[in-house]
N, C-alpha and C. Protein backbone atom coordinates (compact mmCIF):
# COMPACT_ATOMS: atom_id res chain seq x y z
N UNK A 1 65.49 -13.73 -109.72
CA UNK A 1 65.61 -12.32 -109.34
C UNK A 1 64.57 -11.53 -110.13
N UNK A 2 64.03 -10.52 -109.53
CA UNK A 2 62.99 -9.69 -110.13
C UNK A 2 63.51 -8.98 -111.38
N UNK A 3 62.81 -9.13 -112.49
CA UNK A 3 63.22 -8.53 -113.76
C UNK A 3 62.60 -7.16 -113.99
N UNK A 4 61.84 -6.64 -113.03
CA UNK A 4 61.20 -5.34 -113.21
C UNK A 4 62.18 -4.18 -113.12
N UNK A 5 63.34 -4.40 -112.52
CA UNK A 5 64.32 -3.32 -112.37
C UNK A 5 65.70 -3.85 -112.77
N UNK A 6 65.97 -3.91 -114.08
CA UNK A 6 67.24 -4.49 -114.52
C UNK A 6 68.46 -3.70 -114.05
N UNK A 7 68.33 -2.38 -113.86
CA UNK A 7 69.46 -1.59 -113.37
C UNK A 7 69.87 -2.00 -111.98
N UNK A 8 68.88 -2.17 -111.11
CA UNK A 8 69.17 -2.61 -109.74
C UNK A 8 69.72 -4.03 -109.75
N UNK A 9 69.14 -4.89 -110.58
CA UNK A 9 69.64 -6.26 -110.69
C UNK A 9 71.11 -6.27 -111.07
N UNK A 10 71.49 -5.43 -112.06
CA UNK A 10 72.89 -5.37 -112.49
C UNK A 10 73.80 -4.89 -111.36
N UNK A 11 73.36 -3.89 -110.62
CA UNK A 11 74.15 -3.38 -109.49
C UNK A 11 74.37 -4.48 -108.46
N UNK A 12 73.30 -5.20 -108.11
CA UNK A 12 73.42 -6.26 -107.10
C UNK A 12 74.30 -7.40 -107.58
N UNK A 13 74.20 -7.76 -108.85
CA UNK A 13 75.05 -8.83 -109.39
C UNK A 13 76.52 -8.41 -109.40
N UNK A 14 76.79 -7.17 -109.76
CA UNK A 14 78.18 -6.67 -109.75
C UNK A 14 78.71 -6.60 -108.32
N UNK A 15 77.86 -6.14 -107.40
CA UNK A 15 78.25 -6.07 -106.00
C UNK A 15 78.61 -7.46 -105.47
N UNK A 16 77.77 -8.44 -105.81
CA UNK A 16 78.04 -9.81 -105.37
C UNK A 16 79.34 -10.35 -105.99
N UNK A 17 79.59 -10.03 -107.26
CA UNK A 17 80.81 -10.50 -107.91
C UNK A 17 82.05 -9.89 -107.25
N UNK A 18 81.95 -8.63 -106.83
CA UNK A 18 83.10 -7.95 -106.21
C UNK A 18 83.32 -8.35 -104.75
N UNK A 19 82.22 -8.56 -104.01
CA UNK A 19 82.34 -8.76 -102.57
C UNK A 19 82.04 -10.17 -102.10
N UNK A 20 81.36 -10.96 -102.93
CA UNK A 20 80.92 -12.28 -102.50
C UNK A 20 79.66 -12.23 -101.65
N UNK A 21 79.10 -11.04 -101.46
CA UNK A 21 77.88 -10.86 -100.68
C UNK A 21 76.71 -10.63 -101.64
N UNK A 22 75.67 -11.41 -101.50
CA UNK A 22 74.54 -11.32 -102.42
C UNK A 22 73.43 -10.40 -101.97
N UNK A 23 73.71 -9.49 -101.06
CA UNK A 23 72.69 -8.56 -100.58
C UNK A 23 73.33 -7.22 -100.29
N UNK A 24 72.52 -6.18 -100.36
CA UNK A 24 72.98 -4.83 -100.07
C UNK A 24 71.91 -4.16 -99.21
N UNK A 25 72.31 -3.40 -98.22
CA UNK A 25 71.38 -2.70 -97.34
C UNK A 25 71.20 -1.28 -97.83
N UNK A 26 69.96 -0.87 -98.00
CA UNK A 26 69.65 0.50 -98.41
C UNK A 26 69.10 1.23 -97.19
N UNK A 27 69.71 2.33 -96.84
CA UNK A 27 69.25 3.11 -95.70
C UNK A 27 68.82 4.49 -96.16
N UNK A 28 68.23 5.26 -95.27
CA UNK A 28 67.84 6.63 -95.61
C UNK A 28 69.09 7.47 -95.83
N UNK A 29 68.95 8.51 -96.62
CA UNK A 29 70.07 9.40 -96.93
C UNK A 29 69.83 10.71 -96.20
N UNK A 30 70.40 10.82 -95.03
CA UNK A 30 70.32 12.05 -94.25
C UNK A 30 71.36 11.99 -93.15
N UNK A 31 71.66 13.15 -92.62
CA UNK A 31 72.56 13.23 -91.47
C UNK A 31 71.76 13.11 -90.19
N UNK A 32 72.44 12.75 -89.11
CA UNK A 32 71.80 12.62 -87.82
C UNK A 32 71.03 13.90 -87.47
N UNK A 33 69.78 13.73 -87.08
CA UNK A 33 68.91 14.83 -86.66
C UNK A 33 68.56 15.79 -87.78
N UNK A 34 68.70 15.39 -89.02
CA UNK A 34 68.28 16.20 -90.16
C UNK A 34 67.26 15.43 -90.97
N UNK A 35 66.40 16.14 -91.70
CA UNK A 35 65.40 15.44 -92.52
C UNK A 35 66.06 14.66 -93.66
N UNK A 36 65.33 13.68 -94.17
CA UNK A 36 65.82 12.89 -95.30
C UNK A 36 66.01 13.80 -96.51
N UNK A 37 67.03 13.52 -97.29
CA UNK A 37 67.33 14.28 -98.50
C UNK A 37 66.15 14.15 -99.47
N UNK A 38 65.68 15.29 -99.99
CA UNK A 38 64.53 15.29 -100.90
C UNK A 38 64.83 15.87 -102.27
N UNK A 39 65.99 16.45 -102.46
CA UNK A 39 66.28 17.10 -103.74
C UNK A 39 67.76 16.91 -104.09
N UNK A 40 68.11 17.11 -105.36
CA UNK A 40 69.53 17.06 -105.72
C UNK A 40 70.36 18.05 -104.92
N UNK A 41 69.80 19.21 -104.64
CA UNK A 41 70.54 20.21 -103.86
C UNK A 41 70.82 19.69 -102.45
N UNK A 42 69.81 19.07 -101.83
CA UNK A 42 70.02 18.46 -100.50
C UNK A 42 71.10 17.38 -100.56
N UNK A 43 71.06 16.58 -101.63
CA UNK A 43 72.02 15.48 -101.77
C UNK A 43 73.44 16.01 -101.89
N UNK A 44 73.63 17.05 -102.70
CA UNK A 44 74.97 17.61 -102.88
C UNK A 44 75.45 18.24 -101.58
N UNK A 45 74.58 18.95 -100.89
CA UNK A 45 74.95 19.57 -99.61
C UNK A 45 75.38 18.49 -98.60
N UNK A 46 74.63 17.40 -98.54
CA UNK A 46 74.98 16.32 -97.62
C UNK A 46 76.28 15.65 -98.04
N UNK A 47 76.46 15.44 -99.34
CA UNK A 47 77.71 14.88 -99.88
C UNK A 47 78.90 15.72 -99.43
N UNK A 48 78.81 17.03 -99.59
CA UNK A 48 79.91 17.92 -99.22
C UNK A 48 80.12 17.94 -97.71
N UNK A 49 79.05 18.08 -96.96
CA UNK A 49 79.16 18.21 -95.50
C UNK A 49 79.59 16.93 -94.80
N UNK A 50 79.23 15.77 -95.35
CA UNK A 50 79.52 14.50 -94.68
C UNK A 50 80.85 13.88 -95.06
N UNK A 51 81.48 14.40 -96.10
CA UNK A 51 82.75 13.82 -96.51
C UNK A 51 82.60 12.49 -97.22
N UNK A 52 81.46 12.29 -97.89
CA UNK A 52 81.27 11.06 -98.65
C UNK A 52 82.27 11.00 -99.80
N UNK A 53 82.59 9.80 -100.25
CA UNK A 53 83.53 9.63 -101.36
C UNK A 53 82.85 9.76 -102.72
N UNK A 54 81.63 9.22 -102.85
CA UNK A 54 80.92 9.23 -104.12
C UNK A 54 79.45 9.46 -103.87
N UNK A 55 78.82 10.24 -104.75
CA UNK A 55 77.38 10.44 -104.74
C UNK A 55 76.87 10.06 -106.11
N UNK A 56 76.04 9.03 -106.19
CA UNK A 56 75.53 8.51 -107.46
C UNK A 56 74.14 9.07 -107.72
N UNK A 57 73.98 9.70 -108.89
CA UNK A 57 72.70 10.25 -109.31
C UNK A 57 72.10 9.44 -110.44
N UNK A 58 72.39 8.17 -110.52
CA UNK A 58 71.89 7.36 -111.63
C UNK A 58 72.81 7.47 -112.83
N UNK A 59 72.50 8.35 -113.76
CA UNK A 59 73.35 8.54 -114.94
C UNK A 59 74.59 9.39 -114.62
N UNK A 60 74.60 10.06 -113.50
CA UNK A 60 75.70 10.95 -113.12
C UNK A 60 76.23 10.56 -111.74
N UNK A 61 77.48 10.92 -111.48
CA UNK A 61 78.05 10.67 -110.16
C UNK A 61 79.03 11.79 -109.82
N UNK A 62 79.08 12.14 -108.56
CA UNK A 62 80.09 13.07 -108.05
C UNK A 62 81.10 12.25 -107.27
N UNK A 63 82.37 12.51 -107.50
CA UNK A 63 83.41 11.80 -106.77
C UNK A 63 84.34 12.83 -106.13
N UNK A 64 84.59 12.64 -104.85
CA UNK A 64 85.48 13.55 -104.13
C UNK A 64 86.90 13.27 -104.57
N UNK A 65 87.62 14.31 -104.98
CA UNK A 65 89.00 14.11 -105.42
C UNK A 65 90.00 14.62 -104.39
N UNK A 66 89.50 15.36 -103.41
CA UNK A 66 90.36 15.82 -102.32
C UNK A 66 89.73 15.40 -101.01
N UNK A 67 90.50 15.14 -100.00
CA UNK A 67 89.93 14.78 -98.70
C UNK A 67 89.03 15.89 -98.18
N UNK A 68 87.99 15.51 -97.47
CA UNK A 68 87.09 16.49 -96.88
C UNK A 68 87.82 17.27 -95.79
N UNK A 69 87.47 18.52 -95.66
CA UNK A 69 88.03 19.38 -94.62
C UNK A 69 87.27 19.11 -93.33
N UNK A 70 87.95 18.81 -92.26
CA UNK A 70 87.30 18.50 -90.99
C UNK A 70 87.37 19.64 -90.00
N UNK A 71 87.34 20.86 -90.49
CA UNK A 71 87.41 22.04 -89.61
C UNK A 71 86.11 22.27 -88.89
């Protein structure tokens, strides 16, 4: 495994230990028909609007503690 990114390596190894799957798919972070997220502000807005459970910022993470409002 590539040693140039030990943080990613650790994430993939933990993911494999939890799921038994040795691969993870990375996709773009945006809503349908919207541009890709380019800033922390865009990321938080998408997190809130999409009803995501967790938003990971590397050293920081946001976790939804109440269900998203679907109004």
